[in-house]
Protein backbone atom coordinates (compact mmCIF):
# COMPACT_ATOMS: atom_id res chain seq x y z
CA UNK A 1 -0.01 -0.07 0.05
CA UNK A 2 0.95 3.52 -0.69
CA UNK A 3 -0.16 6.29 1.64
CA UNK A 4 0.22 9.98 0.86
CA UNK A 5 -0.44 12.60 3.50
CA UNK A 6 -1.31 16.22 2.89
CA UNK A 7 -0.82 18.28 5.95
CA UNK A 8 0.42 21.83 7.10
CA UNK A 9 2.21 20.16 10.07
CA UNK A 10 4.48 17.42 8.52
CA UNK A 11 6.68 17.26 11.80
CA UNK A 12 3.78 15.86 13.69
CA UNK A 13 3.98 12.51 12.04
CA UNK A 14 7.72 11.84 12.81
CA UNK A 15 7.37 10.17 16.05
CA UNK A 16 4.34 7.92 15.23
CA UNK A 17 5.69 6.93 11.86
CA UNK A 18 9.26 6.25 12.84
CA UNK A 19 8.68 3.96 15.79
CA UNK A 20 7.21 0.37 16.50
CA UNK A 21 5.04 -1.21 14.11
CA UNK A 22 4.71 1.61 11.63
CA UNK A 23 8.52 1.61 11.27
CA UNK A 24 8.55 -2.19 10.85
CA UNK A 25 5.96 -1.93 8.11
CA UNK A 26 7.93 0.50 6.28
CA UNK A 27 11.18 -1.32 6.59
CA UNK A 28 9.59 -4.63 5.35
CA UNK A 29 8.11 -2.35 2.44
CA UNK A 30 4.55 -3.38 3.15
CA UNK A 31 3.70 0.16 3.10
CA UNK A 32 5.25 3.42 1.43
CA UNK A 33 4.38 6.46 3.29
CA UNK A 34 5.01 9.91 1.85
CA UNK A 35 4.13 13.40 3.70
CA UNK A 36 3.53 16.60 1.74
CA UNK A 37 3.46 19.92 3.24
CA UNK A 38 0.71 21.97 1.72
CA UNK A 39 2.52 25.17 2.28
CA UNK A 40 5.05 23.91 -0.13
CA UNK A 41 2.31 24.47 -2.81
CA UNK A 42 1.52 28.22 -2.11
CA UNK A 43 2.79 30.98 -4.04
CA UNK A 44 3.04 34.02 -1.84
CA UNK A 45 6.07 34.92 0.49
CA UNK A 46 3.96 34.10 3.53
CA UNK A 47 3.04 30.65 2.29
CA UNK A 48 -0.50 31.32 3.27
CA UNK A 49 -2.79 28.11 3.07
CA UNK A 50 -5.86 29.68 4.57
CA UNK A 51 -7.92 32.84 4.09
CA UNK A 52 -11.10 34.39 5.80
CA UNK A 53 -14.37 32.69 4.70
CA UNK A 54 -16.46 34.49 2.26
CA UNK A 55 -19.91 35.78 3.77
CA UNK A 56 -18.11 36.52 7.09
CA UNK A 57 -17.84 34.58 10.26
CA UNK A 58 -14.93 33.62 12.63
CA UNK A 59 -12.08 31.47 12.03
CA UNK A 60 -9.92 30.74 8.74
CA UNK A 61 -10.71 28.36 5.78
CA UNK A 62 -8.03 26.24 4.03
CA UNK A 63 -7.70 27.48 0.60
CA UNK A 64 -8.40 25.21 -2.60
CA UNK A 65 -5.26 26.19 -4.64
CA UNK A 66 -2.67 24.48 -2.65
CA UNK A 67 -4.65 21.27 -1.97
CA UNK A 68 -5.49 20.99 -5.58
CA UNK A 69 -1.94 21.51 -6.70
CA UNK A 70 -0.64 19.01 -4.03
CA UNK A 71 -3.19 16.36 -5.41
CA UNK A 72 -2.16 17.19 -8.94
CA UNK A 73 1.80 16.61 -7.89
CA UNK A 74 0.97 13.33 -6.48
CA UNK A 75 -1.45 11.75 -8.80
CA UNK A 76 -1.07 13.58 -11.98
CA UNK A 77 -3.20 16.32 -13.72
CA UNK A 78 -6.17 14.19 -14.26
CA UNK A 79 -7.80 13.87 -10.74
CA UNK A 80 -11.23 13.10 -11.62
CA UNK A 81 -12.47 11.09 -8.82
CA UNK A 82 -13.96 8.44 -10.89
CA UNK A 83 -10.83 7.83 -12.74
CA UNK A 84 -8.85 7.81 -9.53
CA UNK A 85 -11.01 5.11 -8.16
CA UNK A 86 -10.47 3.01 -11.25
CA UNK A 87 -6.81 3.33 -10.38
CA UNK A 88 -7.31 2.02 -7.03
CA UNK A 89 -6.83 5.41 -5.20
CA UNK A 90 -8.80 6.47 -2.34
CA UNK A 91 -8.88 9.97 -1.19
CA UNK A 92 -10.07 10.65 2.41
CA UNK A 93 -10.66 13.85 4.20
CA UNK A 94 -10.33 13.66 8.14
CA UNK A 95 -13.11 15.75 9.45
CA UNK A 96 -15.63 15.75 12.42
CA UNK A 97 -18.42 15.72 9.84
CA UNK A 98 -17.29 12.32 8.37
CA UNK A 99 -18.50 8.78 8.81
CA UNK A 100 -17.51 7.45 12.20
CA UNK A 101 -14.32 5.19 11.84
CA UNK A 102 -14.57 1.63 13.05
CA UNK A 103 -12.78 -1.80 12.55
CA UNK A 104 -15.14 -2.49 9.66
CA UNK A 105 -14.00 0.65 7.87
CA UNK A 106 -10.45 -0.07 8.88
CA UNK A 107 -10.74 -3.28 7.09
CA UNK A 108 -11.96 -1.82 3.83
CA UNK A 109 -9.45 0.86 3.64
CA UNK A 110 -6.75 -1.81 4.34
CA UNK A 111 -7.47 -3.33 0.92
CA UNK A 112 -6.79 -0.02 -0.81
CA UNK A 113 -3.85 0.09 -3.17
CA UNK A 114 -3.23 4.00 -2.72
CA UNK A 115 -4.68 6.02 0.01
CA UNK A 116 -4.48 9.78 0.01
CA UNK A 117 -5.22 11.46 3.45
CA UNK A 118 -6.18 15.23 3.57
CA UNK A 119 -5.60 16.73 7.01
CA UNK A 120 -8.14 19.57 7.76
CA UNK A 121 -7.38 22.42 10.04
CA UNK A 122 -9.13 25.63 11.26
CA UNK A 123 -12.83 25.89 10.12
CA UNK A 124 -12.38 23.30 7.50
CA UNK A 125 -11.44 23.25 3.86
CA UNK A 126 -12.99 25.17 0.80
CA UNK A 127 -16.04 23.15 -0.31
CA UNK A 128 -14.62 22.95 -3.79
CA UNK A 129 -12.07 20.46 -2.36
CA UNK A 130 -14.48 18.34 -0.86
CA UNK A 131 -16.72 18.25 -4.06
CA UNK A 132 -14.03 17.48 -6.52
CA UNK A 133 -11.31 15.61 -4.78
CA UNK A 134 -12.57 13.90 -1.75
CA UNK A 135 -14.03 10.19 -2.01
CA UNK A 136 -14.58 9.65 1.84
CA UNK A 137 -14.89 11.72 4.95
CA UNK A 138 -13.83 9.99 8.11
CA UNK A 139 -14.34 10.98 11.76
CA UNK A 140 -12.80 9.11 14.52
CA UNK A 141 -15.36 10.31 17.06
CA UNK A 142 -17.90 12.90 18.10
CA UNK A 143 -15.37 15.57 19.43
CA UNK A 144 -13.26 18.23 18.22
CA UNK A 145 -9.50 18.29 17.98
CA UNK A 146 -7.20 21.16 16.87
CA UNK A 147 -6.08 19.41 13.68
CA UNK A 148 -6.73 16.41 11.06
CA UNK A 149 -3.24 15.16 11.68
CA UNK A 150 -3.96 13.23 14.86
CA UNK A 151 -7.17 11.23 13.17
CA UNK A 152 -4.79 10.60 10.16
CA UNK A 153 -2.10 8.83 12.63
CA UNK A 154 -5.16 6.85 14.22
CA UNK A 155 -6.49 5.92 10.82
CA UNK A 156 -2.90 4.85 9.52
CA UNK A 157 -2.06 2.78 12.69
CA UNK A 158 -5.37 0.79 12.45
CA UNK A 159 -5.09 0.32 8.84
CA UNK A 160 -1.45 -0.71 8.29
CA UNK A 161 -1.58 -3.24 11.10
CA UNK A 162 -4.16 -5.12 8.91
CA UNK A 163 -1.87 -5.39 5.95
CA UNK A 164 -0.39 -9.01 5.70
CA UNK A 165 2.86 -9.39 6.84
CA UNK A 166 2.83 -6.33 9.18
CA UNK A 167 2.14 -8.05 12.30
CA UNK A 168 4.61 -10.75 13.71
CA UNK A 169 1.57 -13.14 14.39
CA UNK A 170 -1.14 -12.81 11.91
CA UNK A 171 -3.64 -14.76 13.86
CA UNK A 172 -3.36 -12.08 16.72
CA UNK A 173 -5.51 -9.39 14.61
CA UNK A 174 -8.24 -12.04 14.58
CA UNK A 175 -8.78 -12.45 18.23
CA UNK A 176 -8.99 -8.71 19.11
CA UNK A 177 -12.09 -6.50 20.27
CA UNK A 178 -14.44 -5.85 17.52
CA UNK A 179 -13.45 -8.65 15.36
CA UNK A 180 -16.35 -11.06 16.10
CA UNK A 181 -18.68 -8.11 17.35
CA UNK A 182 -17.48 -8.44 21.07
CA UNK A 183 -14.79 -6.81 23.22
CA UNK A 184 -11.77 -9.07 23.91
CA UNK A 185 -11.83 -11.37 26.75
CA UNK A 186 -9.52 -10.79 29.97
CA UNK A 187 -5.79 -11.52 29.21
CA UNK A 188 -3.25 -12.97 31.79
CA UNK A 189 0.52 -13.93 31.89
CA UNK A 190 3.11 -14.87 34.19
CA UNK A 191 3.41 -15.10 37.17
CA UNK A 192 0.32 -17.27 37.83
CA UNK A 193 0.09 -15.69 41.36
CA UNK A 194 1.02 -12.06 41.85
CA UNK A 195 0.58 -10.38 45.24
CA UNK A 196 -1.91 -13.01 46.06
CA UNK A 197 -4.01 -12.36 42.81
CA UNK A 198 -4.65 -15.57 40.92
CA UNK A 199 -4.89 -16.35 37.29
CA UNK A 200 -8.26 -18.23 36.67
CA UNK A 201 -7.76 -21.89 37.08
CA UNK A 202 -9.22 -22.73 33.72
CA UNK A 203 -6.33 -20.89 31.93
CA UNK A 204 -3.83 -23.15 33.70
CA UNK A 205 -5.69 -26.29 33.05
CA UNK A 206 -4.48 -27.01 29.49
CA UNK A 207 -7.95 -27.94 28.35
CA UNK A 208 -8.10 -25.80 25.13
CA UNK A 209 -12.11 -26.51 24.80
CA UNK A 210 -12.60 -25.27 28.29
CA UNK A 211 -10.42 -22.09 27.67
CA UNK A 212 -12.10 -21.25 24.58
CA UNK A 213 -15.52 -21.62 26.31
CA UNK A 214 -14.29 -19.32 29.32
CA UNK A 215 -13.03 -16.58 26.98
CA UNK A 216 -16.13 -16.59 24.77
CA UNK A 217 -18.24 -16.28 27.99
CA UNK A 218 -15.99 -13.48 29.39
CA UNK A 219 -16.09 -11.63 26.02
CA UNK A 220 -19.84 -11.79 26.23
CA UNK A 221 -19.95 -10.51 29.78
CA UNK A 222 -17.60 -7.72 29.12
CA UNK A 223 -19.24 -6.57 26.12
CA UNK A 224 -22.78 -6.48 27.91
CA UNK A 225 -21.28 -4.49 30.64
CA UNK A 226 -19.15 -2.01 28.58
CA UNK A 227 -20.69 -1.88 25.18
CA UNK A 228 -24.36 -3.23 25.31
CA UNK A 229 -24.84 -1.49 22.00
CA UNK A 230 -22.70 -4.07 20.42
CA UNK A 231 -24.80 -6.95 21.65
CA UNK A 232 -27.80 -5.31 20.22
């Protein structure tokens, strides 16, 4: 997979993309991630990427010109959405107005050949960018952040880990929360007794059938208590 990120603050991605699994995924060439500074496509000496909204109002709006030029630099001059989709390209704008991100969407996006993320700022972006360049709008929750870079990092992390070969143990992603519609069951490791707190005996029994039954029951109980909406 190739991921291009359009951002006003490229250095925000350094720590996240240069550590742990994300670094491993790039080293293994499972994913290629390129960061593009939107200000690099401005044409005034102040590198202005935003301006006051027409019609008045508070805040600033990201200008269309640098975003269009950045997209053309990445994808070529023909940036018609239908043609891009045929080429396996998916453009995503991170915004509170988007569809709420979940594991189902993460799986779908992980099968994309080429992903382009646009990080919003201020009061948002010029509507012409939305209409002509954006295929999907995604939100990571019903709250407001200072920038779209943080949601972009969340999306990248959740998607890249689903790409075959990224995780050390491929089966581990199949036993996580939300994979079967439930939260994950409780996990324990050594020592079996820690400060008089014991690991459930069934996990030490060696009986795989009983262990599987216990885990399923615990997953149901935990989901019912914490996320009853998933049970429904």
